């Protein structure tokens, strides 16, 4: 039995729309995260207990005691280890706010899926949302 041309185009259109709804937001979010942390380096000196972050030609070093708050932006799926329904669920980022007012933004492209850093738990503020944009420079003085 031959398939109706009308049904074939409907199916192709459906798949194209579904692909676009998943891929375009993922691409935009990935470019946003890439632009935020492009060329950035975050190191932790375990002996001295100091973080070293460099963004372009700026560098900042800080200890856990100098951190005021850490805002961690995650999806609901990532936080609760649920099934992911959208392709960008595993993207997350953190904004480290220092006591002197400086802000350091690091994205999951730098630290991977799990945000595991030696930070005091009482300084971490979890923010859950559907889409997590890393807006602004990764080092704000």
Foldseek 3Di string as FASTA:
>chain_A
DDDDPVVVVVVVVVVVVVCCVQPVVQVVQVVQQCVQCPPKDWDADPVVQKIWIDDDHDIDIDHLVQWQAKEKEAAPCLVVVHDDPGPCRQKIKIWTAGPVGKIAIHICVHVPRDDDDPHDPVRYDYHYDDDDGPDDHRIDD
